[in-house]
Amino acid sequence: MTYRLRIEPSGHEMDCDADETILEAALRHGFNIPFSCRNGACGACKGRILEGRVDYGDAEEKALSAGEKEAGMALFCQAMPLSDVVIEVREIGAAKDIQIKTLPARVARMVDLAPDVRALFLKIPASERLQFLPGQYIDILLKDGGRRGFSLANSPANDEFLELHIKRVAGGQFTTHVFAQMKEKDILRFEGPLGTFFVRQDSRRPLLMVATGTGFAPIKGMLEALFAQGDDRPIHFYWGVRHAEDFYYQDLLMEWQRQHPHFRLIQVVSRPDAAWSGRSGYVIPQVLADIPDPGAFDVYICGHPDMVMDLSRALQDAGLNAEHIFADAFVFAKAKST
């Protein structure tokens, strides 16, 4: 059975299955509400039931007292609907609303996505959860005190594993370790989530997204969340790589194009071979040729620092106000700048 869930004061509405918690339904639809432990112990997801009935689940007394239940409060990581429900809870719309944590993580799985790109799927302790906005990143903490920043490629709704896309860098200390020595079940430590690269939900402007290489990682998380929300703003996604074999997740991208007619994918190869029949050259001229007047767009750019800076400058020269440009430049061997 499915019920209707409405979140106030935002007014967001969605379906909520009878066998899923209110928190699970909100995250599944791409809406972020506070949470931490997900097991009814911390109280971070507490909110008010304005209308309807819920099964309160396994809420611990210290996190939700009997008096609070009588006053209409519930823990949304535990509460399941017994009818259509209206709740009151603060939605998270900015990075400042999210707690930055330092946590251990186990390498649960490694998958080679492209010749020089490997995905790491990290599992954090069962007692912890990392709340983040799609597009944010984490810093891997190295034993020598160094840091390496990697964007989260999964959306908050799919947080069983944290997904990172690692590009092999010649001479890179950490990437060499990832490709040559790292094994499943290895333990890492990280700090996060970090950064202000995430979709601004208060805008209804069409979206222009541009990535090079593994700059696709945060864009993937953003797109997953947008599609889950049912956001129907036009999305133009340009992805540039050197060689055609550097593209990955092609089946997923093709499926998104079939399911979401407002999503347009443009792939560009700068060093094509004879087998490549798509667009060739650098991604910036392709964007500017297709969208000579970008003033109506919100723009999200991620990838090589030169591309990020050059495209940002070119879009402003073409009439786009800088306040509508959001960027994440991949800077090797330093904390990432946003």
Protein backbone atom coordinates (compact mmCIF):
# COMPACT_ATOMS: atom_id res chain seq x y z
CA MET A 1 0.00 0.00 0.00
CA THR A 2 1.17 3.54 -0.76
CA TYR A 3 0.31 6.72 1.14
CA ARG A 4 0.88 10.41 0.38
CA LEU A 5 3.48 12.24 2.41
CA ARG A 6 3.69 16.03 2.55
CA ILE A 7 6.55 17.93 4.18
CA GLU A 8 5.83 21.32 5.70
CA PRO A 9 6.71 24.15 5.47
CA SER A 10 8.24 23.34 2.06
CA GLY A 11 5.04 21.75 0.71
CA HIS A 12 6.94 18.93 -1.00
CA GLU A 13 4.70 15.92 -1.64
CA MET A 14 5.60 12.33 -2.50
CA ASP A 15 4.51 8.71 -2.24
CA CYS A 16 5.52 6.75 0.85
CA ASP A 17 5.19 2.97 0.89
CA ALA A 18 3.64 1.38 3.96
CA ASP A 19 6.83 -0.63 4.57
CA GLU A 20 9.30 2.25 4.37
CA THR A 21 10.11 4.93 6.90
CA ILE A 22 9.30 8.58 6.30
CA LEU A 23 13.03 9.30 6.13
CA GLU A 24 13.55 6.61 3.50
CA ALA A 25 10.71 8.01 1.41
CA ALA A 26 12.05 11.57 1.61
CA LEU A 27 15.56 10.51 0.61
CA ARG A 28 14.25 8.24 -2.15
CA HIS A 29 12.51 11.25 -3.67
CA GLY A 30 15.62 13.42 -3.30
CA PHE A 31 14.55 15.57 -0.34
CA ASN A 32 17.05 15.96 2.50
CA ILE A 33 15.79 16.07 6.08
CA PRO A 34 18.03 15.79 9.15
CA PHE A 35 19.21 12.36 10.25
CA SER A 36 22.27 10.66 11.70
CA CYS A 37 22.16 7.17 13.20
CA ARG A 38 19.05 5.84 11.39
CA ASN A 39 18.37 3.43 14.28
CA GLY A 40 16.17 5.53 16.56
CA ALA A 41 18.85 6.40 19.08
CA CYS A 42 20.12 9.91 18.36
CA GLY A 43 17.00 12.03 17.82
CA ALA A 44 18.48 14.00 14.89
CA CYS A 45 15.51 13.19 12.63
CA LYS A 46 12.83 14.25 15.12
CA GLY A 47 9.86 16.18 13.74
CA ARG A 48 6.15 16.74 14.17
CA ILE A 49 3.19 14.78 12.79
CA LEU A 50 0.67 17.43 11.71
CA GLU A 51 -1.87 15.08 10.13
CA GLY A 52 -2.29 11.32 9.84
CA ARG A 53 -1.13 8.28 11.79
CA VAL A 54 2.24 6.51 11.94
CA ASP A 55 3.80 3.42 13.42
CA TYR A 56 6.50 4.91 15.68
CA GLY A 57 8.85 1.94 15.24
CA ASP A 58 11.77 1.23 17.54
CA ALA A 59 12.33 4.74 18.90
CA GLU A 60 14.43 4.74 22.07
CA GLU A 61 12.98 6.54 25.09
CA LYS A 62 15.99 8.85 25.37
CA ALA A 63 15.49 9.97 21.76
CA LEU A 64 11.69 10.19 21.82
CA SER A 65 9.87 10.29 25.14
CA ALA A 66 6.28 9.29 25.72
CA GLY A 67 5.45 12.93 26.32
CA GLU A 68 6.91 13.89 22.96
CA LYS A 69 4.84 11.23 21.22
CA GLU A 70 1.71 12.63 22.88
CA ALA A 71 2.74 16.07 21.65
CA GLY A 72 2.84 14.75 18.08
CA MET A 73 6.57 14.22 17.66
CA ALA A 74 8.16 11.23 15.89
CA LEU A 75 11.54 9.96 14.77
CA PHE A 76 11.32 9.86 10.99
CA CYS A 77 14.04 7.22 10.65
CA GLN A 78 11.65 4.85 12.43
CA ALA A 79 8.13 6.13 11.77
CA MET A 80 6.14 4.38 9.01
CA PRO A 81 2.83 5.69 7.67
CA LEU A 82 -0.51 4.15 8.59
CA SER A 83 -2.39 6.75 6.52
CA ASP A 84 -1.65 9.80 4.42
CA VAL A 85 0.69 11.93 6.53
CA VAL A 86 1.66 15.58 6.83
CA ILE A 87 4.85 16.26 8.77
CA GLU A 88 6.70 19.36 9.90
CA VAL A 89 10.48 19.19 9.69
CA ARG A 90 13.30 21.42 8.52
CA GLU A 91 14.66 20.42 5.13
CA ILE A 92 18.38 20.73 4.56
CA GLY A 93 19.15 23.09 1.73
CA ALA A 94 22.65 24.32 2.47
CA ALA A 95 26.01 22.81 3.41
CA LYS A 96 26.07 24.78 6.67
CA ASP A 97 23.16 22.64 7.89
CA ILE A 98 25.20 19.43 7.72
CA GLN A 99 27.64 18.10 10.31
CA ILE A 100 31.21 17.46 9.10
CA LYS A 101 32.53 14.20 10.52
CA THR A 102 35.80 12.27 10.64
CA LEU A 103 35.06 8.58 10.14
CA PRO A 104 36.70 5.27 9.23
CA ALA A 105 35.53 3.43 6.13
CA ARG A 106 36.17 -0.07 4.80
CA VAL A 107 36.82 -0.65 1.11
CA ALA A 108 33.85 -2.90 0.34
CA ARG A 109 34.32 -3.12 -3.41
CA MET A 110 36.54 -1.87 -6.23
CA VAL A 111 35.32 -1.66 -9.83
CA ASP A 112 37.29 -0.57 -12.90
CA LEU A 113 35.06 1.82 -14.83
CA ALA A 114 37.49 2.89 -17.57
CA PRO A 115 41.16 2.19 -18.41
CA ASP A 116 42.38 4.73 -15.84
CA VAL A 117 39.32 5.13 -13.60
CA ARG A 118 38.52 2.91 -10.62
CA ALA A 119 35.43 3.19 -8.41
CA LEU A 120 35.81 2.66 -4.68
CA PHE A 121 32.71 1.70 -2.72
CA LEU A 122 33.30 2.55 0.93
CA LYS A 123 31.31 1.20 3.88
CA ILE A 124 31.22 3.27 7.06
CA PRO A 125 30.42 1.73 10.50
CA ALA A 126 26.84 0.51 10.92
CA SER A 127 26.34 2.94 13.82
CA GLU A 128 27.14 5.94 11.61
CA ARG A 129 25.59 7.71 8.65
CA LEU A 130 27.04 10.47 6.51
CA GLN A 131 24.48 13.08 5.61
CA PHE A 132 25.47 15.11 2.56
CA LEU A 133 24.15 17.06 -0.38
CA PRO A 134 24.55 15.58 -3.87
CA GLY A 135 27.78 16.92 -5.36
CA GLN A 136 29.75 17.36 -2.12
CA TYR A 137 33.09 15.65 -1.56
CA ILE A 138 35.16 14.00 1.19
CA ASP A 139 38.85 14.27 2.04
CA ILE A 140 40.71 10.97 2.41
CA LEU A 141 43.14 11.43 5.32
CA LEU A 142 46.58 10.00 4.59
CA LYS A 143 48.97 8.66 7.19
CA ASP A 144 51.51 11.39 6.45
CA GLY A 145 48.96 14.09 7.25
CA GLY A 146 48.08 14.77 3.63
CA ARG A 147 44.58 14.86 2.16
CA ARG A 148 43.05 13.83 -1.13
CA GLY A 149 39.61 15.15 -2.05
CA PHE A 150 37.16 13.01 -4.01
CA SER A 151 33.57 13.81 -4.93
CA LEU A 152 30.75 11.53 -3.81
CA ALA A 153 29.23 9.91 -6.89
CA ASN A 154 26.15 8.49 -5.15
CA SER A 155 23.06 10.35 -4.03
CA PRO A 156 22.08 10.57 -0.33
CA ALA A 157 19.25 8.11 -0.98
CA ASN A 158 21.77 5.42 -1.97
CA ASP A 159 24.13 5.75 0.97
CA GLU A 160 24.78 2.11 1.84
CA PHE A 161 28.16 2.70 0.20
CA LEU A 162 30.02 5.93 -0.53
CA GLU A 163 31.07 5.85 -4.18
CA LEU A 164 34.28 7.55 -5.32
CA HIS A 165 35.73 7.70 -8.85
CA ILE A 166 39.53 7.62 -8.74
CA LYS A 167 41.54 8.72 -11.77
CA ARG A 168 45.02 7.19 -12.11
CA VAL A 169 47.55 10.04 -11.95
CA ALA A 170 51.16 9.38 -12.99
CA GLY A 171 53.34 9.70 -9.90
CA GLY A 172 50.36 10.27 -7.62
CA GLN A 173 50.98 8.80 -4.18
CA PHE A 174 47.39 7.95 -3.33
CA THR A 175 46.18 6.97 -6.80
CA THR A 176 49.20 4.71 -7.26
CA HIS A 177 48.26 3.03 -4.00
CA VAL A 178 44.63 2.65 -5.14
CA PHE A 179 45.59 0.96 -8.41
CA ALA A 180 48.62 -1.05 -7.23
CA GLN A 181 48.24 -1.96 -3.54
CA MET A 182 44.72 -1.31 -2.28
CA LYS A 183 42.63 -4.37 -1.43
CA GLU A 184 39.04 -4.94 -0.47
CA LYS A 185 38.53 -4.70 3.33
CA ASP A 186 41.30 -2.09 3.65
CA ILE A 187 40.44 0.68 6.12
CA LEU A 188 40.58 4.38 5.25
CA ARG A 189 39.78 7.51 7.26
CA PHE A 190 38.05 10.53 5.81
CA GLU A 191 36.58 13.90 6.70
CA GLY A 192 33.39 15.20 5.19
CA PRO A 193 31.12 16.09 3.64
CA LEU A 194 32.81 19.21 2.31
CA GLY A 195 32.22 21.84 -0.34
CA THR A 196 29.41 23.99 -1.67
CA PHE A 197 29.01 22.24 -5.03
CA PHE A 198 25.39 21.09 -4.90
CA VAL A 199 22.18 21.89 -6.76
CA ARG A 200 20.37 24.97 -5.48
CA GLN A 201 16.82 23.79 -4.90
CA ASP A 202 15.29 27.28 -4.69
CA SER A 203 15.86 27.89 -8.41
CA ARG A 204 13.70 26.86 -11.36
CA ARG A 205 16.20 27.90 -14.03
CA PRO A 206 17.26 25.33 -16.63
CA LEU A 207 20.48 23.50 -15.81
CA LEU A 208 23.72 23.42 -17.76
CA MET A 209 26.14 20.81 -16.39
CA VAL A 210 29.67 20.42 -17.75
CA ALA A 211 32.30 17.88 -16.70
CA THR A 212 35.64 16.61 -17.87
CA GLY A 213 37.01 13.18 -16.89
CA THR A 214 35.95 12.08 -13.43
CA GLY A 215 34.21 15.42 -12.97
CA PHE A 216 31.23 13.24 -13.88
CA ALA A 217 31.26 11.83 -10.32
CA PRO A 218 29.45 14.68 -8.50
CA ILE A 219 27.26 15.32 -11.55
CA LYS A 220 26.09 11.69 -11.32
CA GLY A 221 25.01 12.19 -7.71
CA MET A 222 23.24 15.42 -8.60
CA LEU A 223 21.39 13.85 -11.52
CA GLU A 224 20.28 10.85 -9.44
CA ALA A 225 18.78 13.20 -6.87
CA LEU A 226 17.12 15.46 -9.46
CA PHE A 227 15.51 12.52 -11.24
CA ALA A 228 14.34 11.04 -7.94
CA GLN A 229 12.65 14.34 -7.07
CA GLY A 230 10.82 14.41 -10.36
CA ASP A 231 12.51 17.74 -11.16
CA ASP A 232 11.55 18.48 -14.77
CA ARG A 233 13.79 21.47 -15.50
CA PRO A 234 15.67 21.11 -18.79
CA ILE A 235 19.14 19.63 -18.18
CA HIS A 236 21.97 19.91 -20.70
CA PHE A 237 24.94 17.75 -19.67
CA TYR A 238 28.24 18.05 -21.55
CA TRP A 239 30.94 15.50 -20.74
CA GLY A 240 34.39 15.82 -22.27
CA VAL A 241 37.16 13.19 -22.23
CA ARG A 242 40.36 12.55 -24.18
CA HIS A 243 39.52 9.13 -25.61
CA ALA A 244 36.14 7.50 -26.17
CA GLU A 245 37.05 4.61 -23.88
CA ASP A 246 37.32 7.12 -21.01
CA PHE A 247 33.51 7.37 -20.87
CA TYR A 248 31.83 5.09 -18.34
CA TYR A 249 28.36 4.38 -16.94
CA GLN A 250 27.11 4.52 -20.51
CA ASP A 251 24.17 2.18 -19.91
CA LEU A 252 23.00 4.36 -17.02
CA LEU A 253 23.25 7.54 -19.12
CA MET A 254 21.35 5.96 -21.98
CA GLU A 255 18.62 4.81 -19.59
CA TRP A 256 18.34 8.33 -18.14
CA GLN A 257 17.89 9.72 -21.65
CA ARG A 258 15.09 7.24 -22.33
CA GLN A 259 13.32 7.90 -19.04
CA HIS A 260 13.72 11.68 -18.84
CA PRO A 261 12.99 13.58 -22.07
CA HIS A 262 14.15 16.86 -20.48
CA PHE A 263 17.69 15.41 -20.09
CA ARG A 264 20.10 16.00 -22.97
CA LEU A 265 23.53 14.32 -23.03
CA ILE A 266 26.37 15.63 -25.21
CA GLN A 267 29.63 13.67 -25.14
CA VAL A 268 32.81 15.19 -26.58
CA VAL A 269 36.15 13.47 -27.31
CA SER A 270 39.25 15.64 -27.69
CA ARG A 271 41.47 12.93 -29.19
CA PRO A 272 39.11 10.74 -31.22
CA ASP A 273 40.05 7.68 -33.24
CA ALA A 274 38.44 6.55 -36.47
CA ALA A 275 35.75 4.61 -34.60
CA TRP A 276 34.35 7.69 -32.82
CA SER A 277 31.37 9.19 -34.64
CA GLY A 278 30.30 11.72 -32.04
CA ARG A 279 31.45 15.24 -31.31
CA SER A 280 35.19 15.95 -31.34
CA GLY A 281 37.37 18.69 -29.91
CA TYR A 282 37.29 20.48 -26.59
CA VAL A 283 34.13 20.77 -24.55
CA ILE A 284 34.12 24.57 -24.05
CA PRO A 285 33.62 25.50 -27.75
CA GLN A 286 30.86 22.89 -27.98
CA VAL A 287 29.00 24.47 -25.06
CA LEU A 288 29.36 28.01 -26.38
CA ALA A 289 28.31 27.02 -29.91
CA ASP A 290 25.16 25.29 -28.66
CA ILE A 291 24.26 27.89 -26.02
CA PRO A 292 25.45 31.31 -27.24
CA ASP A 293 23.14 33.08 -24.76
CA PRO A 294 23.55 31.28 -21.39
CA GLY A 295 22.01 34.03 -19.28
CA ALA A 296 18.93 31.99 -18.30
CA PHE A 297 20.85 28.97 -16.93
CA ASP A 298 22.18 27.73 -13.61
CA VAL A 299 25.57 26.23 -14.47
CA TYR A 300 27.43 23.45 -12.66
CA ILE A 301 31.02 22.81 -13.79
CA CYS A 302 33.40 20.13 -12.52
CA GLY A 303 36.73 18.77 -13.69
CA HIS A 304 40.15 20.06 -14.73
CA PRO A 305 40.88 23.49 -13.18
CA ASP A 306 41.74 25.10 -16.53
CA MET A 307 38.43 24.01 -18.02
CA VAL A 308 36.51 25.19 -14.97
CA MET A 309 38.12 28.64 -14.97
CA ASP A 310 38.04 29.14 -18.76
CA LEU A 311 34.41 28.09 -19.13
CA SER A 312 33.32 30.20 -16.15
CA ARG A 313 34.99 33.23 -17.70
CA ALA A 314 33.55 32.54 -21.16
CA LEU A 315 30.01 32.15 -19.83
CA GLN A 316 30.27 35.43 -17.95
CA ASP A 317 31.57 37.13 -21.09
CA ALA A 318 28.50 35.73 -22.88
CA GLY A 319 26.16 37.36 -20.38
CA LEU A 320 25.71 34.88 -17.50
CA ASN A 321 25.80 36.43 -14.04
CA ALA A 322 28.54 34.84 -11.91
CA GLU A 323 26.05 34.13 -9.12
CA HIS A 324 24.55 31.41 -11.31
CA ILE A 325 27.85 29.55 -11.80
CA PHE A 326 28.78 26.79 -9.34
CA ALA A 327 32.08 25.02 -9.80
CA ASP A 328 34.36 22.37 -8.36
CA ALA A 329 37.91 22.29 -9.72
CA PHE A 330 39.85 19.04 -9.31
CA VAL A 331 43.22 20.03 -7.88
CA PHE A 332 45.68 17.15 -7.38
CA ALA A 333 47.57 16.80 -4.11
CA LYS A 334 45.62 19.54 -2.36
CA ALA A 335 42.28 19.89 -0.66
CA LYS A 336 39.80 20.59 -3.41
CA SER A 337 38.64 24.14 -3.99
CA THR A 338 35.02 24.92 -4.68
